[in-house]
N, C-alpha and C. Protein backbone atom coordinates (compact mmCIF):
# COMPACT_ATOMS: atom_id res chain seq x y z
N UNK A 1 99.90 76.79 61.19
CA UNK A 1 99.17 77.01 60.83
C UNK A 1 98.38 77.42 59.91
N UNK A 2 97.29 76.93 59.29
CA UNK A 2 96.70 77.09 58.13
C UNK A 2 95.74 77.97 58.20
N UNK A 3 94.94 78.52 57.16
CA UNK A 3 94.11 79.55 57.40
C UNK A 3 93.19 79.48 56.28
N UNK A 4 91.69 79.03 57.08
CA UNK A 4 90.32 79.39 56.36
C UNK A 4 89.66 80.46 55.87
N UNK A 5 89.28 81.40 54.94
CA UNK A 5 88.63 82.29 54.81
C UNK A 5 87.66 82.47 54.23
N UNK A 6 86.45 82.18 54.91
CA UNK A 6 84.70 82.20 54.15
C UNK A 6 84.72 83.42 53.72
N UNK A 7 84.23 83.65 52.64
CA UNK A 7 83.82 85.40 52.43
C UNK A 7 82.07 85.50 52.45
N UNK A 8 81.87 86.09 53.52
CA UNK A 8 80.10 86.35 53.79
C UNK A 8 79.13 84.48 53.14
N UNK A 9 79.48 84.19 53.99
CA UNK A 9 78.94 82.79 54.33
C UNK A 9 77.77 83.14 54.69
N UNK A 10 76.30 82.13 54.09
CA UNK A 10 75.07 82.90 54.34
C UNK A 10 74.35 81.30 55.09
N UNK A 11 75.12 80.06 55.21
CA UNK A 11 74.60 79.27 55.66
C UNK A 11 74.95 78.91 57.40
N UNK A 12 74.14 78.90 57.88
CA UNK A 12 74.83 78.69 59.53
C UNK A 12 75.61 76.99 59.54
N UNK A 13 74.81 76.13 59.54
CA UNK A 13 75.56 74.96 59.55
C UNK A 13 76.35 74.17 58.81
N UNK A 14 76.68 75.05 57.95
CA UNK A 14 78.50 75.13 57.21
C UNK A 14 79.18 75.82 57.76
N UNK A 15 79.06 76.74 58.01
CA UNK A 15 80.15 77.35 58.79
C UNK A 15 80.02 76.34 60.42
N UNK A 16 79.24 75.54 60.97
CA UNK A 16 79.72 75.10 62.03
C UNK A 16 80.41 74.19 61.68
N UNK A 17 79.85 73.18 60.54
CA UNK A 17 80.99 72.15 60.37
C UNK A 17 82.78 72.51 59.68
N UNK A 18 82.42 73.48 59.35
CA UNK A 18 83.59 74.16 58.92
C UNK A 18 84.21 74.38 59.95
N UNK A 19 83.82 75.15 61.08
CA UNK A 19 84.69 74.88 62.18
C UNK A 19 85.22 74.15 62.81
N UNK A 20 83.87 72.66 62.96
CA UNK A 20 84.79 72.02 63.58
C UNK A 20 86.17 71.10 63.10
N UNK A 21 85.72 71.25 61.34
CA UNK A 21 86.56 70.28 61.06
C UNK A 21 87.96 71.66 60.73
N UNK A 22 88.48 72.89 61.09
CA UNK A 22 88.88 73.56 61.41
C UNK A 22 89.99 73.13 62.36
N UNK A 23 88.92 73.49 64.17
CA UNK A 23 89.19 72.86 64.86
C UNK A 23 90.08 71.47 65.43
N UNK A 24 89.48 70.35 64.24
CA UNK A 24 90.61 69.60 64.06
C UNK A 24 91.12 68.94 63.54
N UNK A 25 91.56 70.28 62.20
CA UNK A 25 92.87 70.42 62.24
C UNK A 25 93.58 71.23 62.04
N UNK A 26 93.68 72.35 63.30
CA UNK A 26 93.78 72.48 63.53
C UNK A 26 94.65 74.10 62.57
N UNK A 27 93.00 74.65 62.12
CA UNK A 27 93.40 75.82 61.71
C UNK A 27 92.60 77.08 62.14
N UNK A 28 93.05 78.01 61.12
CA UNK A 28 92.92 79.68 61.98
C UNK A 28 91.44 79.66 60.97
N UNK A 29 90.35 79.61 61.87
CA UNK A 29 88.92 80.71 61.03
C UNK A 29 89.09 81.95 60.80
N UNK A 30 88.43 81.91 59.28
CA UNK A 30 87.98 83.66 59.23
C UNK A 30 86.89 83.89 58.74
N UNK A 31 85.88 84.70 59.22
CA UNK A 31 84.72 84.91 58.37
C UNK A 31 84.71 86.57 58.23
N UNK A 32 84.77 86.46 57.04
CA UNK A 32 84.77 87.39 56.32
C UNK A 32 83.38 88.46 55.97
N UNK A 33 82.78 89.67 56.59
CA UNK A 33 81.59 90.28 56.59
C UNK A 33 81.40 90.73 55.65
N UNK A 34 80.56 91.59 55.15
CA UNK A 34 79.29 91.45 56.20
C UNK A 34 78.32 89.76 56.11
N UNK A 35 78.46 89.16 57.25
CA UNK A 35 77.17 88.05 57.14
C UNK A 35 76.21 88.45 57.90
N UNK A 36 75.17 87.18 57.54
CA UNK A 36 73.94 87.43 57.68
C UNK A 36 73.91 86.11 59.34
N UNK A 37 74.70 85.83 59.67
CA UNK A 37 75.39 84.02 60.49
C UNK A 37 75.72 84.91 61.82
N UNK A 38 74.70 84.53 62.63
CA UNK A 38 74.98 85.12 64.67
C UNK A 38 75.93 84.13 64.79
N UNK A 39 77.09 84.87 64.91
CA UNK A 39 77.81 84.25 65.86
C UNK A 39 78.19 84.40 67.48
N UNK A 40 77.29 85.27 67.80
CA UNK A 40 77.55 85.35 69.27
C UNK A 40 77.42 84.29 70.23
N UNK A 41 78.04 84.42 71.72
CA UNK A 41 77.96 83.13 72.32
C UNK A 41 77.06 82.33 72.41
N UNK A 42 75.99 83.38 72.64
CA UNK A 42 74.25 83.06 73.13
C UNK A 42 73.72 81.31 71.82
N UNK A 43 73.75 82.38 70.71
CA UNK A 43 74.24 81.61 69.50
C UNK A 43 74.72 79.74 68.91
N UNK A 44 75.55 80.09 69.19
CA UNK A 44 76.87 79.58 69.18
C UNK A 44 76.23 77.94 70.77
N UNK A 45 75.80 78.46 71.24
CA UNK A 45 75.67 77.75 72.82
C UNK A 45 74.79 77.02 72.29
N UNK A 46 73.61 77.84 72.17
CA UNK A 46 72.27 77.19 71.74
C UNK A 46 72.44 76.21 70.23
N UNK A 47 73.59 76.95 69.65
CA UNK A 47 73.25 75.03 68.03
C UNK A 47 73.97 74.23 68.75
N UNK A 48 75.38 74.16 70.16
CA UNK A 48 75.08 72.59 70.66
C UNK A 48 76.66 72.68 70.16
N UNK A 49 77.44 73.61 69.46
CA UNK A 49 78.93 73.36 68.81
C UNK A 49 79.78 73.61 70.12
N UNK A 50 79.59 72.18 70.87
CA UNK A 50 80.68 72.40 71.62
C UNK A 50 82.18 72.37 71.82
N UNK A 51 82.53 72.46 70.41
CA UNK A 51 84.02 72.71 70.16
C UNK A 51 84.27 74.19 69.81
N UNK A 52 83.47 75.24 69.92
CA UNK A 52 83.59 76.27 69.90
C UNK A 52 84.66 77.00 70.30
N UNK A 53 84.72 76.55 71.65
CA UNK A 53 85.51 77.57 72.77
C UNK A 53 87.42 77.13 72.08
N UNK A 54 87.50 75.83 71.16
CA UNK A 54 88.14 75.34 70.57
C UNK A 54 89.13 76.24 69.40
N UNK A 55 88.43 76.94 69.25
CA UNK A 55 88.45 77.28 67.33
C UNK A 55 89.30 78.60 67.38
N UNK A 56 90.09 78.73 66.63
CA UNK A 56 90.99 80.06 66.35
C UNK A 56 90.10 80.64 65.16
N UNK A 57 88.96 81.98 65.78
CA UNK A 57 88.47 82.64 64.75
C UNK A 57 88.58 84.24 64.49
N UNK A 58 88.64 84.65 63.34
CA UNK A 58 88.54 86.00 63.39
C UNK A 58 87.46 86.67 62.59
N UNK A 59 86.67 87.26 63.10
CA UNK A 59 85.84 87.95 62.05
C UNK A 59 86.26 89.39 61.61
N UNK A 60 86.44 89.21 60.35
CA UNK A 60 86.55 90.48 59.69
C UNK A 60 85.26 91.49 58.76
N UNK A 61 84.97 92.82 59.15
CA UNK A 61 84.03 93.46 58.88
C UNK A 61 83.43 93.29 57.40
N UNK A 62 84.54 93.31 56.87
CA UNK A 62 84.57 93.83 54.89
C UNK A 62 85.41 92.65 54.32
N UNK A 63 85.47 92.78 53.14
CA UNK A 63 86.49 91.97 52.11
C UNK A 63 87.66 92.96 52.64
N UNK A 64 87.44 94.10 52.34
CA UNK A 64 88.44 95.22 52.98
C UNK A 64 89.63 94.81 54.24
N UNK A 65 88.87 94.90 54.91
CA UNK A 65 89.17 94.43 56.59
C UNK A 65 90.20 93.63 56.14
N UNK A 66 89.72 92.24 55.64
CA UNK A 66 90.23 91.18 55.38
C UNK A 66 91.67 91.23 54.85
N UNK A 67 91.32 91.84 53.90
CA UNK A 67 92.35 92.54 52.31
C UNK A 67 94.16 92.91 53.19
N UNK A 68 93.48 93.73 53.95
CA UNK A 68 93.93 95.00 54.98
C UNK A 68 95.53 93.74 55.63
N UNK A 69 93.96 93.31 56.63
CA UNK A 69 94.85 92.14 57.51
C UNK A 69 96.08 91.17 56.63
N UNK A 70 95.48 90.61 55.45
CA UNK A 70 96.70 89.76 54.34
C UNK A 70 97.72 90.56 54.56
N UNK A 71 97.77 91.75 53.75
CA UNK A 71 98.69 92.70 53.58
C UNK A 71 99.79 93.47 54.26
N UNK A 72 98.96 92.45 55.57
CA UNK A 72 99.82 92.86 57.07
C UNK A 72 100.56 92.22 57.37
N UNK A 73 100.97 91.26 57.16
CA UNK A 73 101.19 89.89 57.35
C UNK A 73 102.46 89.29 57.09
N UNK A 74 102.96 89.34 57.72
CA UNK A 74 105.12 89.21 57.82
C UNK A 74 105.16 88.72 56.89
N UNK A 75 105.91 89.42 55.91
CA UNK A 75 106.59 88.98 54.65
C UNK A 75 107.16 87.32 54.26
N UNK A 76 107.45 86.97 55.49
CA UNK A 76 108.72 85.95 55.61
C UNK A 76 107.99 84.78 56.00
N UNK A 77 109.15 83.83 55.83
CA UNK A 77 108.29 82.21 56.33
C UNK A 77 107.08 81.76 56.34
N UNK A 78 105.92 82.17 56.59
CA UNK A 78 104.77 81.36 56.89
C UNK A 78 103.76 82.84 56.36
N UNK A 79 104.37 83.69 56.09
CA UNK A 79 103.71 85.36 56.19
C UNK A 79 103.27 85.19 54.42
N UNK A 80 102.23 86.05 54.17
CA UNK A 80 101.59 85.74 53.05
C UNK A 80 102.75 87.52 52.18
N UNK A 81 102.76 87.72 51.36
CA UNK A 81 102.89 88.72 50.13
C UNK A 81 101.16 89.50 50.17
N UNK A 82 101.72 90.26 49.76
CA UNK A 82 100.56 91.26 49.46
C UNK A 82 99.63 91.17 48.73
N UNK A 83 98.61 90.83 48.35
CA UNK A 83 97.63 90.05 47.64
C UNK A 83 97.30 91.70 46.39
N UNK A 84 97.54 91.97 45.18
CA UNK A 84 97.70 92.68 44.37
C UNK A 84 97.41 92.41 43.03
N UNK A 85 97.33 92.91 42.12
CA UNK A 85 97.25 92.74 40.84
C UNK A 85 98.41 93.40 40.02
N UNK A 86 99.03 92.33 39.75
CA UNK A 86 101.10 92.30 39.11
C UNK A 86 100.87 93.01 37.55
N UNK A 87 101.08 93.95 37.03
CA UNK A 87 101.56 94.02 35.89
C UNK A 87 102.77 93.96 35.50
N UNK A 88 103.94 93.14 35.68
CA UNK A 88 105.33 93.00 35.85
C UNK A 88 105.20 91.80 35.03
N UNK A 89 106.06 92.00 33.86
CA UNK A 89 106.32 90.82 32.75
C UNK A 89 107.17 89.91 33.70
N UNK A 90 107.69 90.28 35.13
CA UNK A 90 108.45 89.21 35.44
C UNK A 90 107.88 88.08 36.42
N UNK A 91 107.56 87.17 36.66
CA UNK A 91 106.88 86.29 37.50
C UNK A 91 107.86 85.61 38.91
N UNK A 92 108.64 86.30 39.28
CA UNK A 92 108.82 86.55 40.83
C UNK A 92 108.52 87.41 41.18
N UNK A 93 108.23 88.71 40.35
CA UNK A 93 108.23 90.15 40.96
C UNK A 93 106.35 90.12 41.24
N UNK A 94 105.64 89.12 40.44
CA UNK A 94 104.64 89.31 40.73
C UNK A 94 103.94 88.20 41.54
N UNK A 95 104.40 87.44 41.95
CA UNK A 95 103.93 86.47 43.20
C UNK A 95 102.99 87.20 44.63
N UNK A 96 101.49 86.74 44.32
CA UNK A 96 100.62 87.02 45.12
C UNK A 96 100.61 86.51 46.73
N UNK A 97 101.66 85.86 46.96
CA UNK A 97 101.66 85.19 48.62
C UNK A 97 100.97 83.87 48.23
N UNK A 98 100.95 83.59 49.66
CA UNK A 98 100.10 82.39 49.97
C UNK A 98 98.87 82.66 50.51
N UNK A 99 98.10 82.95 49.48
CA UNK A 99 96.36 83.43 49.75
C UNK A 99 95.73 82.61 48.30
N UNK A 100 95.24 81.28 48.57
CA UNK A 100 94.91 80.98 47.39
C UNK A 100 92.93 80.79 47.37
N UNK A 101 92.05 81.87 45.81
CA UNK A 101 91.61 81.55 46.23
C UNK A 101 90.74 80.30 45.55
N UNK A 102 89.36 79.60 46.25
CA UNK A 102 89.52 78.41 45.42
C UNK A 102 87.58 78.90 44.98
N UNK A 103 87.96 78.43 43.46
CA UNK A 103 86.63 78.93 42.93
C UNK A 103 86.78 77.90 41.18
N UNK A 104 85.44 77.42 40.52
CA UNK A 104 84.96 76.69 40.08
C UNK A 104 86.03 77.37 38.37
N UNK A 105 86.23 78.09 38.85
CA UNK A 105 86.45 79.30 37.14
C UNK A 105 88.67 79.06 37.53
N UNK A 106 89.07 78.17 37.97
CA UNK A 106 90.52 78.09 38.73
C UNK A 106 91.21 77.01 36.84
N UNK A 107 92.10 77.52 36.95
CA UNK A 107 92.32 76.67 35.72
C UNK A 107 93.79 75.82 36.67
N UNK A 108 93.95 75.92 37.38
CA UNK A 108 94.58 75.47 38.59
C UNK A 108 93.93 74.18 39.48
N UNK A 109 94.84 72.91 39.70
CA UNK A 109 94.32 71.44 40.30
C UNK A 109 94.58 72.53 41.70
N UNK A 110 93.68 71.95 43.20
CA UNK A 110 93.56 71.83 44.82
C UNK A 110 94.73 71.63 44.82
N UNK A 111 95.12 70.31 44.12
CA UNK A 111 96.73 69.65 45.33
C UNK A 111 97.97 70.32 44.75
N UNK A 112 97.84 70.59 43.34
CA UNK A 112 99.39 71.02 43.39
C UNK A 112 100.05 72.16 43.30
N UNK A 113 99.54 72.91 44.18
CA UNK A 113 100.52 74.49 45.04
C UNK A 113 101.66 73.77 46.17
N UNK A 114 102.96 74.90 46.18
CA UNK A 114 103.03 73.96 46.94
C UNK A 114 102.47 74.39 48.23
N UNK A 115 101.85 74.06 49.02
CA UNK A 115 101.43 74.84 50.71
C UNK A 115 102.29 75.31 52.02
N UNK A 116 102.41 76.20 52.41
CA UNK A 116 103.11 75.65 53.12
C UNK A 116 102.14 76.48 54.46
N UNK A 117 103.38 76.40 55.46
CA UNK A 117 102.33 77.09 57.23
C UNK A 117 102.61 78.30 56.88
N UNK A 118 101.14 78.73 56.95
CA UNK A 118 100.49 80.14 57.21
C UNK A 118 99.80 80.29 56.30
N UNK A 119 99.50 79.36 54.98
CA UNK A 119 99.17 79.31 53.52
C UNK A 119 97.69 79.82 54.62
N UNK A 120 96.77 81.05 53.37
CA UNK A 120 95.24 81.40 53.27
C UNK A 120 94.66 80.46 52.31
N UNK A 121 93.26 79.73 52.53
CA UNK A 121 92.51 79.07 51.42
C UNK A 121 90.87 79.86 51.67
N UNK A 122 91.45 80.54 50.28
CA UNK A 122 89.80 81.33 50.12
C UNK A 122 88.81 80.67 49.52
N UNK A 123 87.87 80.63 50.65
CA UNK A 123 86.22 79.90 49.44
C UNK A 123 85.46 81.28 49.59
N UNK A 124 84.22 81.03 48.30
CA UNK A 124 83.42 82.04 48.46
C UNK A 124 82.05 81.86 49.42
N UNK A 125 81.60 82.75 49.36
CA UNK A 125 79.97 81.86 50.09
C UNK A 125 79.31 80.98 49.05
N UNK A 126 77.76 80.73 50.08
CA UNK A 126 77.48 79.34 49.51
C UNK A 126 77.17 79.46 47.96
N UNK A 127 76.05 80.93 48.08
CA UNK A 127 75.36 81.05 46.66
C UNK A 127 75.96 81.81 45.78
N UNK A 128 76.89 82.87 46.04
CA UNK A 128 77.26 83.67 44.76
C UNK A 128 78.90 83.29 44.68
N UNK A 129 79.58 82.41 45.46
CA UNK A 129 80.64 82.44 45.04
C UNK A 129 81.81 83.53 45.57
N UNK A 130 83.13 83.32 45.12
CA UNK A 130 83.75 85.06 44.74
C UNK A 130 83.38 85.97 43.92
N UNK A 131 83.61 86.87 44.03
CA UNK A 131 83.20 88.68 43.64
C UNK A 131 83.97 88.38 42.29
N UNK A 132 83.64 89.13 40.98
CA UNK A 132 84.88 88.95 40.08
C UNK A 132 85.56 90.41 39.96
N UNK A 133 85.87 91.31 41.31
CA UNK A 133 86.67 91.61 42.76
C UNK A 133 87.70 91.20 42.95
N UNK A 134 87.39 89.94 43.70
CA UNK A 134 88.38 89.01 44.29
C UNK A 134 89.33 88.55 43.10
N UNK A 135 88.38 87.79 42.06
CA UNK A 135 89.37 87.64 41.27
C UNK A 135 90.06 87.83 40.58
N UNK A 136 89.94 89.10 40.66
CA UNK A 136 91.09 90.24 39.78
C UNK A 136 92.14 90.56 40.78
N UNK A 137 91.89 90.02 42.31
CA UNK A 137 93.32 90.29 42.94
C UNK A 137 94.44 88.68 42.37
N UNK A 138 93.98 87.74 42.24
CA UNK A 138 94.44 86.47 42.14
C UNK A 138 94.71 86.44 40.76
N UNK A 139 96.35 85.80 40.26
CA UNK A 139 96.54 85.09 39.81
C UNK A 139 96.67 83.60 39.14
N UNK A 140 96.44 83.42 37.78
CA UNK A 140 96.82 81.67 37.86
C UNK A 140 97.32 81.26 38.49
N UNK A 141 97.97 80.98 38.83
CA UNK A 141 98.22 80.02 40.23
C UNK A 141 98.18 80.49 41.26
N UNK A 142 97.51 81.31 41.39
CA UNK A 142 96.44 81.51 43.33
C UNK A 142 95.05 81.25 43.18
N UNK A 143 94.34 80.87 41.60
CA UNK A 143 93.49 80.51 42.09
C UNK A 143 93.22 78.71 41.30
N UNK A 144 92.61 78.31 42.90
CA UNK A 144 92.82 76.85 42.24
C UNK A 144 91.23 76.32 42.36
N UNK A 145 90.44 75.03 42.06
CA UNK A 145 89.77 74.79 41.71
C UNK A 145 89.81 72.98 42.16
N UNK A 146 88.68 72.64 42.75
CA UNK A 146 88.51 70.86 42.85
C UNK A 146 87.82 70.68 41.60
N UNK A 147 87.89 69.45 40.53
CA UNK A 147 87.80 68.87 39.75
C UNK A 147 86.42 68.23 39.77
N UNK A 148 84.91 68.16 39.19
CA UNK A 148 84.10 67.30 39.29
C UNK A 148 84.08 66.67 38.26
N UNK A 149 84.66 65.14 38.11
CA UNK A 149 84.79 64.21 37.38
C UNK A 149 82.96 64.30 37.06
N UNK A 150 82.00 64.46 38.42
CA UNK A 150 80.32 63.73 37.79
C UNK A 150 79.39 64.54 37.76
N UNK A 151 78.42 64.04 37.72
CA UNK A 151 76.89 64.96 37.48
C UNK A 151 76.81 65.75 38.40
N UNK A 152 77.43 66.83 38.82
CA UNK A 152 76.80 68.01 40.01
C UNK A 152 77.31 69.11 39.86
N UNK A 153 77.26 69.92 39.63
CA UNK A 153 77.63 71.19 39.28
C UNK A 153 78.33 72.12 40.44
N UNK A 154 78.22 71.17 41.65
CA UNK A 154 79.67 72.04 42.65
C UNK A 154 79.25 71.18 44.18
N UNK A 155 80.06 71.18 44.35
CA UNK A 155 80.31 70.93 45.41
C UNK A 155 79.49 71.58 47.09
N UNK A 156 79.54 71.07 48.41
CA UNK A 156 79.21 71.83 49.36
C UNK A 156 80.16 72.62 49.66
N UNK A 157 79.90 73.23 50.28
CA UNK A 157 81.19 74.41 50.93
C UNK A 157 81.72 73.42 51.97
N UNK A 158 81.53 73.09 52.78
CA UNK A 158 81.72 72.54 54.17
C UNK A 158 82.58 71.28 53.22
N UNK A 159 82.33 70.19 52.47
CA UNK A 159 82.88 69.35 52.00
C UNK A 159 84.58 69.52 50.86
N UNK A 160 83.74 71.03 50.74
CA UNK A 160 84.91 72.07 49.27
C UNK A 160 86.26 72.16 50.81
N UNK A 161 85.57 72.66 51.59
CA UNK A 161 86.59 73.30 53.30
C UNK A 161 87.75 71.82 52.65
N UNK A 162 87.13 70.13 53.28
CA UNK A 162 87.47 69.59 53.64
C UNK A 162 88.33 69.21 53.51
N UNK A 163 88.01 68.75 52.37
CA UNK A 163 88.82 68.44 50.54
C UNK A 163 89.90 69.36 50.56
N UNK A 164 90.65 70.09 50.16
CA UNK A 164 91.20 71.23 49.99
C UNK A 164 92.09 71.78 51.67
N UNK A 165 91.68 71.39 52.31
CA UNK A 165 92.36 72.08 53.93
C UNK A 165 93.51 70.50 54.73
N UNK A 166 92.41 69.15 53.89
CA UNK A 166 93.21 68.13 54.10
C UNK A 166 94.33 68.13 52.77
N UNK A 167 94.65 68.35 51.12
CA UNK A 167 95.31 68.66 50.79
C UNK A 167 96.52 69.52 50.84
N UNK A 168 96.13 70.71 51.74
CA UNK A 168 97.32 71.59 52.14
C UNK A 168 97.73 71.49 53.11
N UNK A 169 97.71 70.80 54.17
CA UNK A 169 97.53 69.76 55.68
C UNK A 169 98.90 69.14 54.96
N UNK A 170 98.64 68.17 54.15
CA UNK A 170 99.72 67.48 53.46
C UNK A 170 101.03 67.92 52.72
N UNK A 171 100.27 68.73 51.62
CA UNK A 171 101.59 69.31 50.99
C UNK A 171 102.27 70.80 51.79
N UNK A 172 101.51 70.59 52.99
CA UNK A 172 102.59 71.99 54.38
C UNK A 172 103.57 70.88 54.91
N UNK A 173 103.08 69.27 55.21
CA UNK A 173 104.06 68.70 56.02
C UNK A 173 103.19 68.51 57.14
N UNK A 174 102.16 69.18 57.23
CA UNK A 174 101.45 69.83 59.18
C UNK A 174 100.37 68.72 59.52
N UNK A 175 100.50 67.21 58.86
CA UNK A 175 100.07 66.30 59.95
C UNK A 175 101.09 65.74 61.02
N UNK A 176 100.23 65.31 61.67
CA UNK A 176 101.37 64.56 63.06
C UNK A 176 101.57 63.09 62.37
N UNK A 177 102.90 63.43 62.71
CA UNK A 177 103.79 61.65 62.37
C UNK A 177 102.87 60.87 62.85
N UNK A 178 102.53 61.04 63.99
CA UNK A 178 102.81 60.17 65.04
C UNK A 178 101.68 60.71 66.14
N UNK A 179 100.47 59.62 66.28
CA UNK A 179 99.06 60.35 66.50
C UNK A 179 98.19 58.89 67.29
N UNK A 180 97.43 58.77 67.62
CA UNK A 180 96.26 57.62 68.50
C UNK A 180 94.92 58.10 68.70
N UNK A 181 94.37 56.95 67.97
CA UNK A 181 92.80 57.23 67.98
C UNK A 181 92.18 58.33 69.08
N UNK A 182 91.46 58.98 68.44
CA UNK A 182 90.73 60.28 69.98
C UNK A 182 89.91 58.85 70.77
N UNK A 183 90.03 59.19 72.42
CA UNK A 183 89.26 58.63 73.10
C UNK A 183 89.62 56.96 73.14
N UNK A 184 90.65 56.70 72.37
CA UNK A 184 90.60 54.70 72.19
C UNK A 184 89.83 54.51 71.73
N UNK A 185 89.05 54.95 70.96
CA UNK A 185 88.50 54.41 69.99
C UNK A 185 88.69 53.81 68.89
N UNK A 186 88.96 52.58 68.47
CA UNK A 186 89.04 52.14 66.84
C UNK A 186 88.21 51.65 66.29
N UNK A 187 88.04 51.89 64.82
CA UNK A 187 86.95 51.23 64.61
C UNK A 187 86.94 50.07 64.30
N UNK A 188 85.86 49.58 64.19
CA UNK A 188 85.51 47.62 64.08
C UNK A 188 86.63 46.75 62.59
N UNK A 189 86.07 48.38 61.38
CA UNK A 189 86.95 47.51 60.41
C UNK A 189 88.47 48.19 59.95
N UNK A 190 89.13 48.56 61.24
CA UNK A 190 90.35 48.93 61.15
C UNK A 190 91.30 48.20 61.67
N UNK A 191 90.32 46.47 62.68
CA UNK A 191 91.23 45.62 62.94
C UNK A 191 91.65 44.83 61.90
């Protein structure tokens, strides 16, 4: 299972859209607080998020709590290594593990990492992105970007999550090898 972490999101519709994507792609959603978004059962029910019960969700009270969780994960197989600034000249000693910060300030494309089951994709808030102290935790191999060849400043957060999560699922080999359309629905243009 891949993990999607949202750093202090502020737009409820984006969180709802991303939650739906996470349910559909069987990903674990992490909300890193503090956030102004109400995730109470009442608010979720009022918003009509009928898939919310199927969502694997973890709320982290602060960035520190999130990085503490990340650093305590197992270091083998699908785990991640501590995310710390490394001063060593040896590349293998500086591995930050499998947390990828998605940022427009990266030089590595989103579709190039060797994704694995258990990786974490960290996205910044809609207005501020990721703050400098969070950027500083990641080396160049673990900061990734989605190219923007057209005349827009940025992509919507929900779309960015879908793009990167789909690439990570492909890279990690997590798409089901056999599947059937949901509820027997087959679009007319596929016949």
